[in-house]
């Protein structure tokens, strides 16, 4: 069963369809991670509501102090997820700011642009 729009809103997915969507999502995140990791960061799937199409991700590592982390989330991660997974309706993202800025900056390399 796939998600269909009914008079009361989206129809619930069965367990198999939910598992398929989650698997597709995790596989795509895993495909993108090496590009982010090459610059000292990381991409983490925080939460996914595969029935509503809402995905939450977080950038970590060097991304914490990077000035282009917002562009990476919107122009890269969100665009790819929405283009390749038609059921994704919204991508929420953030940056793990628990790391010290200097420690985060020390992880950066490649096209890294420090935030400070």
C-alpha atoms as a PDB file:
ATOM      1  CA  UNK A   1       0.000   0.000   0.000  1.00  0.00           C
ATOM      2  CA  UNK A   2       1.352   3.434  -0.889  1.00  0.00           C
ATOM      3  CA  UNK A   3       0.428   6.765   0.654  1.00  0.00           C
ATOM      4  CA  UNK A   4      -2.624   8.204  -1.039  1.00  0.00           C
ATOM      5  CA  UNK A   5      -4.389  11.472  -0.439  1.00  0.00           C
ATOM      6  CA  UNK A   6      -7.899  10.855   0.852  1.00  0.00           C
ATOM      7  CA  UNK A   7     -10.671  13.181   2.004  1.00  0.00           C
ATOM      8  CA  UNK A   8      -9.222  13.219   5.544  1.00  0.00           C
ATOM      9  CA  UNK A   9      -5.568  13.576   4.470  1.00  0.00           C
ATOM     10  CA  UNK A  10      -2.816  11.008   3.847  1.00  0.00           C
ATOM     11  CA  UNK A  11      -3.640   7.323   4.114  1.00  0.00           C
ATOM     12  CA  UNK A  12      -1.344   5.391   6.446  1.00  0.00           C
ATOM     13  CA  UNK A  13       1.377   3.165   4.997  1.00  0.00           C
ATOM     14  CA  UNK A  14       1.725  -0.454   5.972  1.00  0.00           C
ATOM     15  CA  UNK A  15       4.867  -1.713   7.742  1.00  0.00           C
ATOM     16  CA  UNK A  16       6.479  -2.939   4.514  1.00  0.00           C
ATOM     17  CA  UNK A  17       6.040   0.410   2.739  1.00  0.00           C
ATOM     18  CA  UNK A  18       7.330   2.307   5.783  1.00  0.00           C
ATOM     19  CA  UNK A  19      10.392   0.045   5.967  1.00  0.00           C
ATOM     20  CA  UNK A  20      11.045   0.482   2.227  1.00  0.00           C
ATOM     21  CA  UNK A  21      10.917   4.255   2.491  1.00  0.00           C
ATOM     22  CA  UNK A  22      13.158   4.315   5.542  1.00  0.00           C
ATOM     23  CA  UNK A  23      15.624   2.001   3.785  1.00  0.00           C
ATOM     24  CA  UNK A  24      15.686   4.220   0.679  1.00  0.00           C
ATOM     25  CA  UNK A  25      16.217   7.285   2.843  1.00  0.00           C
ATOM     26  CA  UNK A  26      19.051   5.751   4.864  1.00  0.00           C
ATOM     27  CA  UNK A  27      20.733   4.488   1.681  1.00  0.00           C
ATOM     28  CA  UNK A  28      20.617   7.985   0.174  1.00  0.00           C
ATOM     29  CA  UNK A  29      21.960   9.579   3.377  1.00  0.00           C
ATOM     30  CA  UNK A  30      24.773   6.996   3.376  1.00  0.00           C
ATOM     31  CA  UNK A  31      25.524   7.888  -0.252  1.00  0.00           C
ATOM     32  CA  UNK A  32      25.850  11.604   0.610  1.00  0.00           C
ATOM     33  CA  UNK A  33      27.849  11.182   3.832  1.00  0.00           C
ATOM     34  CA  UNK A  34      31.294  10.622   2.239  1.00  0.00           C
ATOM     35  CA  UNK A  35      31.117  13.996   0.461  1.00  0.00           C
ATOM     36  CA  UNK A  36      30.374  15.762   3.758  1.00  0.00           C
ATOM     37  CA  UNK A  37      32.954  13.661   5.616  1.00  0.00           C
ATOM     38  CA  UNK A  38      35.608  14.590   3.036  1.00  0.00           C
ATOM     39  CA  UNK A  39      35.436  18.139   4.399  1.00  0.00           C
ATOM     40  CA  UNK A  40      35.630  17.001   8.035  1.00  0.00           C
ATOM     41  CA  UNK A  41      31.900  16.999   8.710  1.00  0.00           C
ATOM     42  CA  UNK A  42      29.196  14.408   8.926  1.00  0.00           C
ATOM     43  CA  UNK A  43      25.547  14.024   7.955  1.00  0.00           C
ATOM     44  CA  UNK A  44      23.241  12.322  10.440  1.00  0.00           C
ATOM     45  CA  UNK A  45      19.633  11.241  10.002  1.00  0.00           C
ATOM     46  CA  UNK A  46      17.902  12.469  13.170  1.00  0.00           C
ATOM     47  CA  UNK A  47      14.277  11.584  12.478  1.00  0.00           C
ATOM     48  CA  UNK A  48      12.051  10.543   9.595  1.00  0.00           C
ATOM     49  CA  UNK A  49       8.280  10.564   9.373  1.00  0.00           C
ATOM     50  CA  UNK A  50       8.008   8.557   6.158  1.00  0.00           C
ATOM     51  CA  UNK A  51       4.210   8.792   6.104  1.00  0.00           C
ATOM     52  CA  UNK A  52       4.147  12.592   6.189  1.00  0.00           C
ATOM     53  CA  UNK A  53       7.393  12.928   4.211  1.00  0.00           C
ATOM     54  CA  UNK A  54       9.214  14.961   6.860  1.00  0.00           C
ATOM     55  CA  UNK A  55      12.924  14.237   7.277  1.00  0.00           C
ATOM     56  CA  UNK A  56      15.215  15.767   9.904  1.00  0.00           C
ATOM     57  CA  UNK A  57      18.978  15.736   9.421  1.00  0.00           C
ATOM     58  CA  UNK A  58      21.927  17.267  11.231  1.00  0.00           C
ATOM     59  CA  UNK A  59      25.369  18.349  10.107  1.00  0.00           C
ATOM     60  CA  UNK A  60      28.162  17.649  12.590  1.00  0.00           C
ATOM     61  CA  UNK A  61      31.948  17.828  12.919  1.00  0.00           C
ATOM     62  CA  UNK A  62      33.566  20.633  10.926  1.00  0.00           C
ATOM     63  CA  UNK A  63      30.089  21.644   9.734  1.00  0.00           C
ATOM     64  CA  UNK A  64      29.472  23.076  13.202  1.00  0.00           C
ATOM     65  CA  UNK A  65      31.668  26.093  12.491  1.00  0.00           C
ATOM     66  CA  UNK A  66      31.324  26.235   8.712  1.00  0.00           C
ATOM     67  CA  UNK A  67      29.794  29.317   7.108  1.00  0.00           C
ATOM     68  CA  UNK A  68      28.284  27.320   4.258  1.00  0.00           C
ATOM     69  CA  UNK A  69      26.562  24.651   6.354  1.00  0.00           C
ATOM     70  CA  UNK A  70      23.136  26.198   5.687  1.00  0.00           C
ATOM     71  CA  UNK A  71      23.811  26.136   1.947  1.00  0.00           C
ATOM     72  CA  UNK A  72      24.903  22.507   2.235  1.00  0.00           C
ATOM     73  CA  UNK A  73      21.628  21.627   3.944  1.00  0.00           C
ATOM     74  CA  UNK A  74      19.371  23.534   1.564  1.00  0.00           C
ATOM     75  CA  UNK A  75      21.229  23.414  -1.732  1.00  0.00           C
ATOM     76  CA  UNK A  76      22.642  19.949  -1.327  1.00  0.00           C
ATOM     77  CA  UNK A  77      20.973  17.644   1.152  1.00  0.00           C
ATOM     78  CA  UNK A  78      17.403  18.930   0.827  1.00  0.00           C
ATOM     79  CA  UNK A  79      17.558  19.194  -2.963  1.00  0.00           C
ATOM     80  CA  UNK A  80      18.909  15.653  -3.350  1.00  0.00           C
ATOM     81  CA  UNK A  81      16.419  14.124  -0.922  1.00  0.00           C
ATOM     82  CA  UNK A  82      13.440  15.826  -2.566  1.00  0.00           C
ATOM     83  CA  UNK A  83      14.644  15.053  -6.106  1.00  0.00           C
ATOM     84  CA  UNK A  84      15.333  11.365  -5.504  1.00  0.00           C
ATOM     85  CA  UNK A  85      12.604  10.514  -2.999  1.00  0.00           C
ATOM     86  CA  UNK A  86       9.321  11.954  -4.317  1.00  0.00           C
ATOM     87  CA  UNK A  87       7.540  11.226  -1.032  1.00  0.00           C
ATOM     88  CA  UNK A  88       9.802  13.690   0.853  1.00  0.00           C
ATOM     89  CA  UNK A  89       7.788  16.870   1.400  1.00  0.00           C
ATOM     90  CA  UNK A  90       9.939  18.717   3.940  1.00  0.00           C
ATOM     91  CA  UNK A  91      13.550  18.556   5.105  1.00  0.00           C
ATOM     92  CA  UNK A  92      14.402  20.025   8.487  1.00  0.00           C
ATOM     93  CA  UNK A  93      18.040  20.524   9.225  1.00  0.00           C
ATOM     94  CA  UNK A  94      20.366  21.869  11.761  1.00  0.00           C
ATOM     95  CA  UNK A  95      23.946  21.939  12.841  1.00  0.00           C
ATOM     96  CA  UNK A  96      25.312  20.154  15.872  1.00  0.00           C
ATOM     97  CA  UNK A  97      26.604  23.111  17.846  1.00  0.00           C
ATOM     98  CA  UNK A  98      27.736  21.098  20.862  1.00  0.00           C
ATOM     99  CA  UNK A  99      31.316  21.040  19.575  1.00  0.00           C
ATOM    100  CA  UNK A 100      33.713  23.871  20.413  1.00  0.00           C
ATOM    101  CA  UNK A 101      34.241  26.177  17.398  1.00  0.00           C
ATOM    102  CA  UNK A 102      38.021  25.778  17.446  1.00  0.00           C
ATOM    103  CA  UNK A 103      37.768  21.993  17.660  1.00  0.00           C
ATOM    104  CA  UNK A 104      35.242  22.016  14.830  1.00  0.00           C
ATOM    105  CA  UNK A 105      37.410  24.291  12.692  1.00  0.00           C
ATOM    106  CA  UNK A 106      40.398  21.992  13.224  1.00  0.00           C
ATOM    107  CA  UNK A 107      38.449  19.179  11.526  1.00  0.00           C
ATOM    108  CA  UNK A 108      37.803  21.177   8.362  1.00  0.00           C
ATOM    109  CA  UNK A 109      39.575  20.627   5.083  1.00  0.00           C
ATOM    110  CA  UNK A 110      38.798  20.809   1.386  1.00  0.00           C
ATOM    111  CA  UNK A 111      36.298  23.527   0.557  1.00  0.00           C
ATOM    112  CA  UNK A 112      35.922  24.358   4.230  1.00  0.00           C
ATOM    113  CA  UNK A 113      35.035  27.978   5.041  1.00  0.00           C
ATOM    114  CA  UNK A 114      35.175  28.837   8.757  1.00  0.00           C
ATOM    115  CA  UNK A 115      32.231  30.662  10.285  1.00  0.00           C
ATOM    116  CA  UNK A 116      34.343  33.008  12.434  1.00  0.00           C
END
